[in-house]
Amino acid sequence: MILLVGIFITYSLAIVALSYGFTQIKSYSRITLNPKTSFTIIVPFRNEAENLPLLLESLSKLNYPTDLFEVILVDDDSTEKFKIQDLGFRIQIIQNNRISNSPKKDAITTAMQRVNTDWVITTDADCIVPENWLLTFDNYIQENQVQMLAGAVSYQIQTSFLHHFQQLDLASLQGATIGSFGLHKGFMCNGANLAYTKSLFKTLNGFEGNEKIASGDDVFLLQKAITHAPERVHYLKSKNSIVTTKPLDDWDSLFQQRVRWAAKTTSYQSNFGKGLGIIVFMGNLAIILGLFLVSPLTILVLFLFKIIIDAILILQFNRFLSQPTRFLIASSIFYPFWSITVALYSLFGKYEWKDRLFTK
């Protein structure tokens, strides 16, 4: 009983600290400066013929001079070749040069050989970007001395429990992301909305050191950047730059995705990130063990307390996104069992990604 209470106190303090950190990152909305930054948008893809036209359409609507950005699509051995049309901006498709266990890292590394701009910004083929996406990044870059900027990602959710569960899960992850930046302990980001200078990528030797890990093109590069120049790595907390993506439509695909995300945690360079991962794991494990070790009333009280603590961070992020918060109680009951299963499987199992099987 004492051990469970101790775990819950530690977990609660960690979430409260992240919630406080969230408030320390000020929202940014300026889009009035004349654009100056040149960007290359890198989009790795594999068999995305359905999604790519939607992304490219959103890129064609960008409120940004077309002579200041270009797009490089990196085809990672798609079975059906994608053809581009004239969209009013510079765009090219190149083939991925596979040299490691990570297709996405290889795709970005391949594209970097073609980059002629000062900044690179990555996103995914199943995303849609807002019209002031690049303009917001540009204005922030002009006003701040930065070399890397992380941005927010949200789901285009419908009414199902599966979709809302994914949004709540993403809200907790990205709430923790912003919170960690607010505590000056940034350790996580999302490659669907990540910008950095070409010079920084070269200085860090790209993804050198974690090529054997299939995922983590975003997180490991961020952690290297923070080790190199923490004051030059910021979080862009702006409604103008939120990238939206599709949620997955079946539980098996979601499980495979979350296992892929979790598999890289043990390889984090950030001690803060590793420690937070252990605390979250123990907090969810304590709920499950408590069902067998303490009275029903005690575990109910602890469970309700955890839901309230988690809701603080989740609601903060969903308010920032202007997303509805539904199925919170049901998701909170289901989540400990889900997260523990994902975490344990990621330590010992394999996962599927883009019709390929990967190990850690």
Protein backbone atom coordinates (compact mmCIF):
# COMPACT_ATOMS: atom_id res chain seq x y z
CA MET A 1 0.00 0.00 0.00
CA ILE A 2 2.76 2.46 0.95
CA LEU A 3 4.65 1.62 -2.25
CA LEU A 4 1.56 2.24 -4.41
CA VAL A 5 0.93 5.58 -2.74
CA GLY A 6 4.57 6.54 -3.25
CA ILE A 7 4.34 5.68 -6.96
CA PHE A 8 1.16 7.74 -7.32
CA ILE A 9 2.71 10.74 -5.56
CA THR A 10 5.75 10.59 -7.83
CA TYR A 11 3.55 10.18 -10.91
CA SER A 12 1.29 13.05 -9.86
CA LEU A 13 4.22 15.40 -9.22
CA ALA A 14 5.63 14.58 -12.65
CA ILE A 15 2.34 15.32 -14.44
CA VAL A 16 1.78 18.50 -12.43
CA ALA A 17 5.31 19.63 -13.32
CA LEU A 18 4.60 19.01 -17.02
CA SER A 19 1.33 20.92 -16.74
CA TYR A 20 3.21 23.83 -15.21
CA GLY A 21 5.83 23.59 -17.97
CA PHE A 22 3.03 23.73 -20.55
CA THR A 23 2.01 27.17 -19.24
CA GLN A 24 5.60 28.43 -19.50
CA ILE A 25 5.65 28.10 -23.31
CA LYS A 26 3.90 31.21 -24.57
CA SER A 27 1.58 30.98 -27.54
CA TYR A 28 2.88 32.55 -30.73
CA SER A 29 0.65 34.01 -33.43
CA ARG A 30 2.62 36.59 -35.38
CA ILE A 31 2.40 36.32 -39.19
CA THR A 32 2.94 39.97 -40.15
CA LEU A 33 6.68 40.01 -40.94
CA ASN A 34 7.74 39.85 -44.58
CA PRO A 35 8.84 36.27 -45.37
CA LYS A 36 12.60 35.77 -45.52
CA THR A 37 13.32 32.13 -44.63
CA SER A 38 13.89 29.57 -47.38
CA PHE A 39 12.48 26.09 -46.66
CA THR A 40 12.74 22.64 -48.18
CA ILE A 41 9.77 20.48 -47.21
CA ILE A 42 10.82 16.81 -47.04
CA VAL A 43 8.11 14.17 -47.24
CA PRO A 44 9.15 10.50 -47.04
CA PHE A 45 6.40 8.22 -48.36
CA ARG A 46 5.56 4.64 -49.22
CA ASN A 47 2.32 3.68 -50.98
CA GLU A 48 0.54 6.96 -50.22
CA ALA A 49 -1.28 7.55 -53.51
CA GLU A 50 -4.50 8.27 -51.60
CA ASN A 51 -3.03 10.73 -49.12
CA LEU A 52 -0.36 12.61 -51.05
CA PRO A 53 -2.78 14.60 -53.26
CA LEU A 54 -4.41 16.01 -50.12
CA LEU A 55 -1.07 17.05 -48.65
CA LEU A 56 0.04 18.62 -51.93
CA GLU A 57 -3.23 20.49 -52.24
CA SER A 58 -2.70 21.98 -48.79
CA LEU A 59 0.86 22.93 -49.76
CA SER A 60 -0.47 24.67 -52.88
CA LYS A 61 -2.60 26.89 -50.61
CA LEU A 62 0.29 28.03 -48.43
CA ASN A 63 0.40 31.73 -47.74
CA TYR A 64 4.10 31.89 -48.58
CA PRO A 65 6.15 33.00 -51.62
CA THR A 66 6.73 30.04 -53.91
CA ASP A 67 10.32 31.12 -54.56
CA LEU A 68 11.09 30.59 -50.85
CA PHE A 69 10.11 26.94 -50.58
CA GLU A 70 10.43 23.68 -52.45
CA VAL A 71 9.17 20.15 -51.83
CA ILE A 72 11.11 16.91 -52.01
CA LEU A 73 9.05 13.71 -51.99
CA VAL A 74 11.15 10.66 -51.15
CA ASP A 75 9.67 7.43 -52.49
CA ASP A 76 10.56 4.53 -50.22
CA ASP A 77 10.03 1.66 -52.69
CA SER A 78 6.31 2.19 -53.32
CA THR A 79 4.66 -0.58 -55.31
CA GLU A 80 2.71 2.01 -57.32
CA LYS A 81 4.66 5.01 -58.55
CA PHE A 82 3.20 8.42 -57.76
CA LYS A 83 3.14 11.11 -60.45
CA ILE A 84 3.10 14.80 -59.67
CA GLN A 85 1.34 17.55 -61.57
CA ASP A 86 2.09 21.25 -61.89
CA LEU A 87 1.08 22.70 -58.52
CA GLY A 88 2.60 26.14 -58.80
CA PHE A 89 5.65 25.45 -56.64
CA ARG A 90 8.93 23.59 -57.01
CA ILE A 91 8.57 19.88 -56.35
CA GLN A 92 10.55 16.75 -57.15
CA ILE A 93 10.31 13.02 -56.44
CA ILE A 94 13.46 11.07 -55.65
CA GLN A 95 14.06 7.45 -54.72
CA ASN A 96 15.13 6.53 -51.20
CA ASN A 97 18.70 5.31 -50.81
CA ARG A 98 18.46 2.59 -48.16
CA ILE A 99 21.63 2.25 -46.08
CA SER A 100 20.32 1.53 -42.57
CA ASN A 101 17.55 -0.19 -40.64
CA SER A 102 15.47 3.00 -40.71
CA PRO A 103 13.66 3.82 -43.98
CA LYS A 104 12.57 7.25 -42.79
CA LYS A 105 16.02 8.32 -41.61
CA ASP A 106 17.44 7.13 -44.91
CA ALA A 107 14.77 9.10 -46.79
CA ILE A 108 15.60 12.34 -44.99
CA THR A 109 19.34 11.75 -45.41
CA THR A 110 18.82 11.08 -49.13
CA ALA A 111 16.78 14.28 -49.52
CA MET A 112 19.38 16.35 -47.65
CA GLN A 113 21.77 15.80 -50.55
CA ARG A 114 19.34 17.83 -52.71
CA VAL A 115 18.57 20.60 -50.23
CA ASN A 116 19.64 24.10 -51.30
CA THR A 117 17.73 26.10 -48.69
CA ASP A 118 18.70 27.29 -45.22
CA TRP A 119 15.94 25.37 -43.44
CA VAL A 120 14.39 21.93 -43.73
CA ILE A 121 10.90 21.11 -42.48
CA THR A 122 9.58 17.56 -42.38
CA THR A 123 6.04 16.27 -42.51
CA ASP A 124 4.24 13.04 -43.38
CA ALA A 125 2.34 12.06 -46.51
CA ASP A 126 -0.94 11.60 -44.61
CA CYS A 127 -0.87 15.14 -43.19
CA ILE A 128 -2.51 18.44 -44.11
CA VAL A 129 -0.75 21.70 -43.31
CA PRO A 130 -2.48 25.04 -42.52
CA GLU A 131 -2.11 27.99 -44.88
CA ASN A 132 0.12 30.00 -42.51
CA TRP A 133 2.33 27.04 -41.60
CA LEU A 134 5.57 28.28 -43.18
CA LEU A 135 4.81 31.93 -42.49
CA THR A 136 4.48 31.25 -38.76
CA PHE A 137 7.74 29.30 -38.69
CA ASP A 138 9.41 32.10 -40.66
CA ASN A 139 8.20 34.87 -38.36
CA TYR A 140 9.35 32.97 -35.27
CA ILE A 141 12.75 32.30 -36.86
CA GLN A 142 13.16 35.99 -37.69
CA GLU A 143 12.41 36.98 -34.09
CA ASN A 144 14.39 34.26 -32.32
CA GLN A 145 17.86 32.76 -32.63
CA VAL A 146 16.92 29.15 -33.28
CA GLN A 147 18.24 26.17 -35.21
CA MET A 148 15.41 23.73 -34.55
CA LEU A 149 11.67 24.24 -34.05
CA ALA A 150 9.15 21.58 -33.02
CA GLY A 151 5.46 22.03 -33.77
CA ALA A 152 2.14 20.45 -32.85
CA VAL A 153 0.23 17.66 -34.59
CA SER A 154 -3.45 16.84 -34.24
CA TYR A 155 -5.85 14.19 -35.55
CA GLN A 156 -8.80 14.70 -37.89
CA ILE A 157 -11.10 12.77 -35.60
CA GLN A 158 -14.61 11.48 -36.20
CA THR A 159 -17.06 10.18 -33.61
CA SER A 160 -15.72 6.71 -32.77
CA PHE A 161 -14.14 5.72 -29.46
CA LEU A 162 -11.03 4.57 -31.37
CA HIS A 163 -10.50 8.01 -32.90
CA HIS A 164 -11.07 9.88 -29.65
CA PHE A 165 -8.84 7.46 -27.76
CA GLN A 166 -6.03 8.21 -30.21
CA GLN A 167 -6.57 11.95 -29.81
CA LEU A 168 -6.47 11.70 -26.01
CA ASP A 169 -3.33 9.57 -26.19
CA LEU A 170 -1.72 12.07 -28.57
CA ALA A 171 -2.82 14.93 -26.32
CA SER A 172 -1.04 13.36 -23.35
CA LEU A 173 2.12 12.79 -25.40
CA GLN A 174 2.20 16.28 -26.91
CA GLY A 175 1.15 17.90 -23.66
CA ALA A 176 4.19 16.20 -22.13
CA THR A 177 6.28 17.39 -25.07
CA ILE A 178 5.34 21.06 -24.58
CA GLY A 179 5.59 20.69 -20.81
CA SER A 180 9.11 19.30 -21.03
CA PHE A 181 10.18 22.24 -23.20
CA GLY A 182 8.66 24.59 -20.63
CA LEU A 183 10.81 22.91 -17.97
CA HIS A 184 13.89 23.25 -20.23
CA LYS A 185 13.99 19.45 -20.46
CA GLY A 186 12.76 18.93 -24.02
CA PHE A 187 13.20 15.33 -25.15
CA MET A 188 10.38 14.55 -27.57
CA CYS A 189 8.84 15.94 -30.78
CA ASN A 190 6.88 14.82 -33.83
CA GLY A 191 8.55 14.47 -37.23
CA ALA A 192 5.29 15.41 -38.94
CA ASN A 193 5.98 19.01 -37.89
CA LEU A 194 9.68 19.57 -37.27
CA ALA A 195 12.02 22.20 -38.72
CA TYR A 196 15.78 22.57 -38.46
CA THR A 197 18.63 24.20 -40.33
CA LYS A 198 20.64 22.31 -42.89
CA SER A 199 23.80 23.42 -41.10
CA LEU A 200 22.60 21.91 -37.81
CA PHE A 201 21.87 18.58 -39.51
CA LYS A 202 25.41 18.55 -40.88
CA THR A 203 26.95 19.58 -37.56
CA LEU A 204 25.13 16.73 -35.77
CA ASN A 205 26.17 14.27 -38.50
CA GLY A 206 22.52 13.61 -39.15
CA PHE A 207 21.23 10.40 -37.65
CA GLU A 208 24.65 8.95 -36.96
CA GLY A 209 24.60 6.88 -33.80
CA ASN A 210 21.03 5.57 -34.01
CA GLU A 211 20.81 4.18 -37.53
CA LYS A 212 20.01 0.69 -36.24
CA ILE A 213 16.77 1.89 -34.61
CA ALA A 214 13.98 1.83 -37.18
CA SER A 215 12.04 4.81 -35.80
CA GLY A 216 13.06 8.00 -34.03
CA ASP A 217 14.15 10.23 -36.90
CA ASP A 218 12.60 13.10 -34.96
CA VAL A 219 13.31 12.32 -31.30
CA PHE A 220 16.95 11.29 -31.59
CA LEU A 221 17.81 14.27 -33.77
CA LEU A 222 16.09 16.57 -31.27
CA GLN A 223 17.99 15.08 -28.34
CA LYS A 224 21.30 15.46 -30.18
CA ALA A 225 20.40 19.07 -31.00
CA ILE A 226 19.54 19.86 -27.38
CA THR A 227 22.83 18.35 -26.21
CA HIS A 228 24.66 20.45 -28.81
CA ALA A 229 22.86 23.80 -28.41
CA PRO A 230 19.87 23.70 -26.01
CA GLU A 231 19.22 27.43 -26.26
CA ARG A 232 18.69 27.13 -30.03
CA VAL A 233 16.00 24.43 -29.83
CA HIS A 234 12.47 25.77 -29.22
CA TYR A 235 8.86 24.65 -29.31
CA LEU A 236 6.56 26.65 -31.60
CA LYS A 237 3.29 26.75 -29.69
CA SER A 238 1.08 28.29 -32.34
CA LYS A 239 -2.41 27.54 -33.57
CA ASN A 240 -1.27 28.78 -36.99
CA SER A 241 1.19 25.92 -37.42
CA ILE A 242 -0.74 22.85 -36.23
CA VAL A 243 -0.42 20.01 -38.72
CA THR A 244 -3.34 17.58 -38.90
CA THR A 245 -3.12 13.89 -39.74
CA LYS A 246 -5.43 10.92 -40.05
CA PRO A 247 -6.06 8.63 -37.09
CA LEU A 248 -5.78 4.91 -37.69
CA ASP A 249 -9.00 3.00 -38.29
CA ASP A 250 -8.31 -0.32 -36.55
CA TRP A 251 -6.83 -1.37 -33.24
CA ASP A 252 -4.15 -3.63 -34.69
CA SER A 253 -2.64 -0.79 -36.75
CA LEU A 254 -2.76 1.50 -33.73
CA PHE A 255 -1.04 -1.12 -31.58
CA GLN A 256 1.73 -1.56 -34.16
CA GLN A 257 2.22 2.21 -34.36
CA ARG A 258 2.39 2.69 -30.59
CA VAL A 259 4.81 -0.23 -30.24
CA ARG A 260 7.02 1.46 -32.84
CA TRP A 261 6.88 4.69 -30.88
CA ALA A 262 7.61 2.97 -27.57
CA ALA A 263 10.46 0.83 -28.92
CA LYS A 264 12.84 3.79 -29.10
CA THR A 265 12.34 4.91 -25.48
CA THR A 266 15.10 2.72 -24.03
CA SER A 267 17.57 4.32 -26.47
CA TYR A 268 16.85 7.91 -25.41
CA GLN A 269 19.89 10.07 -24.72
CA SER A 270 17.75 12.21 -22.41
CA ASN A 271 17.84 11.02 -18.80
CA PHE A 272 14.77 13.15 -18.15
CA GLY A 273 12.92 11.34 -20.94
CA LYS A 274 13.98 7.93 -19.67
CA GLY A 275 13.02 8.82 -16.11
CA LEU A 276 9.64 10.18 -17.14
CA GLY A 277 8.98 7.03 -19.18
CA ILE A 278 9.69 4.87 -16.12
CA ILE A 279 7.45 7.01 -13.91
CA VAL A 280 4.55 6.83 -16.38
CA PHE A 281 5.03 3.08 -16.79
CA MET A 282 5.04 2.56 -13.02
CA GLY A 283 2.01 4.80 -12.55
CA ASN A 284 -0.05 2.71 -14.98
CA LEU A 285 1.34 -0.57 -13.66
CA ALA A 286 0.39 0.47 -10.12
CA ILE A 287 -3.25 0.79 -11.20
CA ILE A 288 -3.27 -2.78 -12.53
CA LEU A 289 -1.44 -4.26 -9.53
CA GLY A 290 -3.66 -2.29 -7.19
CA LEU A 291 -6.67 -4.24 -8.43
CA PHE A 292 -5.20 -7.30 -6.73
CA LEU A 293 -3.30 -5.78 -3.80
CA VAL A 294 -5.60 -3.21 -2.18
CA SER A 295 -9.26 -2.79 -1.38
CA PRO A 296 -11.72 -1.81 -4.12
CA LEU A 297 -12.35 1.53 -2.42
CA THR A 298 -8.64 2.34 -2.25
CA ILE A 299 -7.98 1.55 -5.88
CA LEU A 300 -11.09 3.51 -6.88
CA VAL A 301 -9.79 6.58 -5.04
CA LEU A 302 -6.34 6.23 -6.60
CA PHE A 303 -7.86 5.67 -10.04
CA LEU A 304 -10.05 8.77 -9.80
CA PHE A 305 -7.09 10.79 -8.59
CA LYS A 306 -5.01 9.65 -11.57
CA ILE A 307 -7.81 10.51 -14.00
CA ILE A 308 -8.01 14.04 -12.57
CA ILE A 309 -4.23 14.54 -12.74
CA ASP A 310 -4.05 13.24 -16.32
CA ALA A 311 -7.04 15.34 -17.36
CA ILE A 312 -5.24 18.55 -16.38
CA LEU A 313 -2.52 17.97 -19.00
CA ILE A 314 -4.86 16.52 -21.63
CA LEU A 315 -7.38 19.33 -21.36
CA GLN A 316 -4.62 21.93 -21.62
CA PHE A 317 -3.45 20.52 -24.92
CA ASN A 318 -6.93 19.92 -26.34
CA ARG A 319 -7.87 23.51 -25.51
CA PHE A 320 -4.78 24.66 -27.39
CA LEU A 321 -5.89 22.53 -30.36
CA SER A 322 -9.56 23.54 -29.98
CA GLN A 323 -10.33 19.81 -29.95
CA PRO A 324 -13.30 18.31 -28.09
CA THR A 325 -12.52 16.00 -25.17
CA ARG A 326 -14.76 12.94 -25.28
CA PHE A 327 -14.61 9.42 -23.82
CA LEU A 328 -12.17 10.70 -21.19
CA ILE A 329 -13.37 8.37 -18.42
CA ALA A 330 -13.63 5.30 -20.66
CA SER A 331 -10.21 5.99 -22.16
CA SER A 332 -8.68 6.52 -18.73
CA ILE A 333 -9.99 3.15 -17.54
CA PHE A 334 -8.72 1.37 -20.62
CA TYR A 335 -5.40 3.20 -20.92
CA PRO A 336 -3.32 1.51 -18.14
CA PHE A 337 -3.94 -1.93 -19.64
CA TRP A 338 -3.24 -0.63 -23.14
CA SER A 339 -0.05 1.25 -22.26
CA ILE A 340 1.46 -1.58 -20.19
CA THR A 341 0.79 -4.08 -22.99
CA VAL A 342 2.37 -1.74 -25.56
CA ALA A 343 5.39 -1.05 -23.34
CA LEU A 344 6.09 -4.71 -22.57
CA TYR A 345 5.59 -5.80 -26.16
CA SER A 346 7.95 -3.08 -27.38
CA LEU A 347 10.72 -4.53 -25.20
CA PHE A 348 10.50 -8.05 -26.57
CA GLY A 349 8.33 -8.08 -29.69
CA LYS A 350 8.46 -7.05 -33.33
CA TYR A 351 6.24 -4.55 -35.09
CA GLU A 352 4.95 -3.94 -38.59
CA TRP A 353 5.39 -0.62 -40.35
CA LYS A 354 4.46 0.14 -43.97
CA ASP A 355 4.08 -3.59 -44.74
CA ARG A 356 7.53 -4.36 -43.34
CA LEU A 357 8.50 -6.24 -40.20
CA PHE A 358 10.96 -4.60 -37.82
CA THR A 359 12.74 -5.57 -34.62
CA LYS A 360 14.20 -3.19 -32.08
